[in-house]
Amino acid sequence: MIKLIALIIAALLQTGAAVGAIWIIRIARGKISWALIAIAFFIMAIRRILELVYYLAGDSYELMDVYTWIGVAISFIMAIAV
């Protein structure tokens, strides 16, 4: 139950971060770095939502390789953005 609550909170926070980054793009007048950060946050939010869905389905550990590669892609995008 605690893991479920943690996953829901993580998904909501990550989605909020993605929305916040999109808002900053508008303020920063379309800087490419903020666009890349927003994309990375959006991918991270999708990753958290997928983790929640698979946890609810009972298959929480079957996509560990996919999560690892998504993490690598996110790190790459964030490195380029900074």
N, C-alpha and C. Protein backbone atom coordinates (compact mmCIF):
# COMPACT_ATOMS: atom_id res chain seq x y z
N MET A 1 0.81 -1.20 0.00
CA MET A 1 0.00 0.00 0.00
C MET A 1 0.86 1.26 0.00
N ILE A 2 1.95 1.22 0.76
CA ILE A 2 2.83 2.39 0.82
C ILE A 2 3.50 2.60 -0.54
N LYS A 3 3.89 1.50 -1.20
CA LYS A 3 4.51 1.63 -2.52
C LYS A 3 3.52 2.23 -3.52
N LEU A 4 2.26 1.85 -3.44
CA LEU A 4 1.24 2.40 -4.33
C LEU A 4 1.09 3.90 -4.12
N ILE A 5 1.04 4.31 -2.88
CA ILE A 5 0.93 5.75 -2.58
C ILE A 5 2.16 6.49 -3.08
N ALA A 6 3.34 5.91 -2.87
CA ALA A 6 4.58 6.53 -3.33
C ALA A 6 4.60 6.66 -4.84
N LEU A 7 4.13 5.63 -5.56
CA LEU A 7 4.11 5.67 -7.02
C LEU A 7 3.13 6.73 -7.53
N ILE A 8 1.98 6.85 -6.88
CA ILE A 8 1.01 7.86 -7.27
C ILE A 8 1.58 9.26 -7.05
N ILE A 9 2.18 9.48 -5.89
CA ILE A 9 2.78 10.79 -5.59
C ILE A 9 3.90 11.10 -6.58
N ALA A 10 4.75 10.11 -6.87
CA ALA A 10 5.86 10.32 -7.81
C ALA A 10 5.34 10.67 -9.20
N ALA A 11 4.30 9.98 -9.65
CA ALA A 11 3.73 10.26 -10.98
C ALA A 11 3.13 11.66 -11.03
N LEU A 12 2.43 12.06 -9.99
CA LEU A 12 1.84 13.40 -9.95
C LEU A 12 2.92 14.49 -9.90
N LEU A 13 3.93 14.27 -9.09
CA LEU A 13 5.02 15.26 -9.01
C LEU A 13 5.78 15.38 -10.32
N GLN A 14 6.03 14.25 -10.95
CA GLN A 14 6.76 14.28 -12.22
C GLN A 14 5.95 14.95 -13.31
N THR A 15 4.64 14.70 -13.33
CA THR A 15 3.77 15.37 -14.29
C THR A 15 3.75 16.88 -14.03
N GLY A 16 3.71 17.25 -12.77
CA GLY A 16 3.76 18.68 -12.41
C GLY A 16 5.06 19.33 -12.85
N ALA A 17 6.17 18.60 -12.71
CA ALA A 17 7.45 19.14 -13.16
C ALA A 17 7.47 19.33 -14.67
N ALA A 18 6.88 18.39 -15.40
CA ALA A 18 6.83 18.53 -16.86
C ALA A 18 5.99 19.74 -17.27
N VAL A 19 4.85 19.92 -16.62
CA VAL A 19 4.00 21.08 -16.91
C VAL A 19 4.73 22.37 -16.56
N GLY A 20 5.43 22.38 -15.43
CA GLY A 20 6.20 23.56 -15.03
C GLY A 20 7.29 23.89 -16.02
N ALA A 21 7.97 22.88 -16.53
CA ALA A 21 9.02 23.12 -17.53
C ALA A 21 8.44 23.67 -18.82
N ILE A 22 7.26 23.18 -19.21
CA ILE A 22 6.61 23.73 -20.41
C ILE A 22 6.25 25.20 -20.19
N TRP A 23 5.80 25.52 -18.99
CA TRP A 23 5.47 26.92 -18.67
C TRP A 23 6.73 27.81 -18.76
N ILE A 24 7.85 27.29 -18.29
CA ILE A 24 9.10 28.06 -18.32
C ILE A 24 9.56 28.28 -19.76
N ILE A 25 9.27 27.35 -20.66
CA ILE A 25 9.62 27.54 -22.08
C ILE A 25 8.98 28.83 -22.58
N ARG A 26 7.72 29.04 -22.21
CA ARG A 26 7.02 30.25 -22.66
C ARG A 26 7.66 31.50 -22.07
N ILE A 27 8.07 31.43 -20.82
CA ILE A 27 8.70 32.59 -20.16
C ILE A 27 10.09 32.84 -20.75
N ALA A 28 10.84 31.77 -21.02
CA ALA A 28 12.21 31.90 -21.53
C ALA A 28 12.25 32.13 -23.04
N ARG A 29 11.10 32.32 -23.63
CA ARG A 29 10.98 32.61 -25.06
C ARG A 29 11.54 31.49 -25.94
N GLY A 30 11.19 30.26 -25.59
CA GLY A 30 11.49 29.14 -26.45
C GLY A 30 12.94 28.69 -26.49
N LYS A 31 13.67 28.87 -25.42
CA LYS A 31 15.05 28.40 -25.39
C LYS A 31 15.09 26.88 -25.57
N ILE A 32 16.00 26.41 -26.40
CA ILE A 32 16.10 24.99 -26.71
C ILE A 32 16.41 24.16 -25.47
N SER A 33 17.19 24.71 -24.55
CA SER A 33 17.53 23.94 -23.36
C SER A 33 16.29 23.63 -22.53
N TRP A 34 15.39 24.60 -22.40
CA TRP A 34 14.17 24.34 -21.64
C TRP A 34 13.25 23.39 -22.38
N ALA A 35 13.27 23.42 -23.68
CA ALA A 35 12.47 22.47 -24.46
C ALA A 35 12.98 21.04 -24.22
N LEU A 36 14.29 20.86 -24.20
CA LEU A 36 14.86 19.54 -23.95
C LEU A 36 14.59 19.08 -22.53
N ILE A 37 14.67 19.99 -21.58
CA ILE A 37 14.37 19.65 -20.18
C ILE A 37 12.90 19.25 -20.05
N ALA A 38 12.03 19.98 -20.72
CA ALA A 38 10.60 19.64 -20.68
C ALA A 38 10.35 18.26 -21.28
N ILE A 39 11.03 17.94 -22.38
CA ILE A 39 10.89 16.62 -22.99
C ILE A 39 11.36 15.53 -22.02
N ALA A 40 12.49 15.78 -21.38
CA ALA A 40 13.01 14.80 -20.42
C ALA A 40 12.04 14.61 -19.26
N PHE A 41 11.50 15.70 -18.73
CA PHE A 41 10.52 15.59 -17.64
C PHE A 41 9.27 14.84 -18.09
N PHE A 42 8.84 15.08 -19.32
CA PHE A 42 7.66 14.40 -19.84
C PHE A 42 7.92 12.90 -19.95
N ILE A 43 9.09 12.53 -20.44
CA ILE A 43 9.44 11.11 -20.53
C ILE A 43 9.52 10.48 -19.14
N MET A 44 10.07 11.22 -18.19
CA MET A 44 10.13 10.73 -16.82
C MET A 44 8.72 10.52 -16.25
N ALA A 45 7.80 11.42 -16.57
CA ALA A 45 6.43 11.28 -16.10
C ALA A 45 5.79 10.02 -16.70
N ILE A 46 6.02 9.80 -17.98
CA ILE A 46 5.49 8.59 -18.62
C ILE A 46 6.07 7.34 -17.97
N ARG A 47 7.35 7.40 -17.66
CA ARG A 47 8.00 6.26 -17.00
C ARG A 47 7.35 5.97 -15.65
N ARG A 48 7.07 7.01 -14.88
CA ARG A 48 6.43 6.83 -13.57
C ARG A 48 5.00 6.29 -13.72
N ILE A 49 4.29 6.80 -14.69
CA ILE A 49 2.91 6.34 -14.91
C ILE A 49 2.91 4.87 -15.33
N LEU A 50 3.84 4.50 -16.22
CA LEU A 50 3.95 3.09 -16.62
C LEU A 50 4.29 2.20 -15.43
N GLU A 51 5.18 2.68 -14.59
CA GLU A 51 5.54 1.91 -13.40
C GLU A 51 4.31 1.71 -12.51
N LEU A 52 3.50 2.74 -12.36
CA LEU A 52 2.28 2.63 -11.57
C LEU A 52 1.30 1.64 -12.20
N VAL A 53 1.12 1.72 -13.51
CA VAL A 53 0.20 0.82 -14.21
C VAL A 53 0.64 -0.64 -14.06
N TYR A 54 1.92 -0.89 -14.24
CA TYR A 54 2.41 -2.26 -14.12
C TYR A 54 2.36 -2.75 -12.67
N TYR A 55 2.54 -1.84 -11.73
CA TYR A 55 2.40 -2.24 -10.32
C TYR A 55 0.96 -2.64 -10.03
N LEU A 56 0.02 -1.87 -10.53
CA LEU A 56 -1.39 -2.19 -10.32
C LEU A 56 -1.79 -3.49 -11.02
N ALA A 57 -1.13 -3.79 -12.13
CA ALA A 57 -1.41 -5.03 -12.86
C ALA A 57 -0.70 -6.24 -12.24
N GLY A 58 0.23 -5.99 -11.34
CA GLY A 58 0.95 -7.08 -10.70
C GLY A 58 2.23 -7.48 -11.40
N ASP A 59 2.64 -6.76 -12.43
CA ASP A 59 3.85 -7.07 -13.19
C ASP A 59 4.91 -5.99 -12.99
N SER A 60 5.22 -5.64 -11.77
CA SER A 60 6.06 -4.47 -11.51
C SER A 60 7.54 -4.67 -11.87
N TYR A 61 7.99 -5.91 -12.04
CA TYR A 61 9.42 -6.09 -12.29
C TYR A 61 9.73 -6.62 -13.69
N GLU A 62 8.76 -6.72 -14.56
CA GLU A 62 9.01 -7.26 -15.88
C GLU A 62 9.65 -6.26 -16.84
N LEU A 63 9.54 -4.99 -16.58
CA LEU A 63 10.07 -3.98 -17.51
C LEU A 63 11.32 -3.28 -16.98
N MET A 64 12.08 -3.94 -16.12
CA MET A 64 13.26 -3.29 -15.54
C MET A 64 14.26 -2.87 -16.62
N ASP A 65 14.45 -3.67 -17.67
CA ASP A 65 15.37 -3.29 -18.74
C ASP A 65 14.86 -2.05 -19.48
N VAL A 66 13.56 -2.00 -19.70
CA VAL A 66 12.98 -0.84 -20.38
C VAL A 66 13.17 0.40 -19.52
N TYR A 67 12.94 0.30 -18.22
CA TYR A 67 13.13 1.44 -17.32
C TYR A 67 14.58 1.90 -17.33
N THR A 68 15.50 0.96 -17.39
CA THR A 68 16.92 1.32 -17.43
C THR A 68 17.24 2.13 -18.68
N TRP A 69 16.76 1.68 -19.83
CA TRP A 69 17.05 2.39 -21.08
C TRP A 69 16.32 3.73 -21.16
N ILE A 70 15.13 3.80 -20.60
CA ILE A 70 14.44 5.09 -20.53
C ILE A 70 15.24 6.04 -19.65
N GLY A 71 15.78 5.55 -18.56
CA GLY A 71 16.63 6.37 -17.69
C GLY A 71 17.87 6.88 -18.41
N VAL A 72 18.47 6.03 -19.23
CA VAL A 72 19.63 6.45 -20.02
C VAL A 72 19.23 7.56 -21.00
N ALA A 73 18.10 7.38 -21.66
CA ALA A 73 17.63 8.41 -22.61
C ALA A 73 17.36 9.73 -21.90
N ILE A 74 16.75 9.67 -20.74
CA ILE A 74 16.47 10.88 -19.97
C ILE A 74 17.77 11.56 -19.58
N SER A 75 18.71 10.80 -19.09
CA SER A 75 20.02 11.38 -18.70
C SER A 75 20.70 12.02 -19.88
N PHE A 76 20.63 11.39 -21.05
CA PHE A 76 21.24 11.95 -22.25
C PHE A 76 20.59 13.28 -22.63
N ILE A 77 19.28 13.32 -22.62
CA ILE A 77 18.56 14.56 -22.96
C ILE A 77 18.88 15.67 -21.96
N MET A 78 18.91 15.33 -20.68
CA MET A 78 19.23 16.33 -19.66
C MET A 78 20.66 16.83 -19.82
N ALA A 79 21.59 15.95 -20.16
CA ALA A 79 22.98 16.37 -20.36
C ALA A 79 23.10 17.33 -21.53
N ILE A 80 22.38 17.07 -22.60
CA ILE A 80 22.41 17.96 -23.75
C ILE A 80 21.79 19.31 -23.38
N ALA A 81 20.71 19.28 -22.61
CA ALA A 81 20.00 20.51 -22.26
C ALA A 81 20.86 21.43 -21.39
N VAL A 82 21.65 20.83 -20.53
CA VAL A 82 22.47 21.64 -19.62
C VAL A 82 23.76 21.97 -20.31
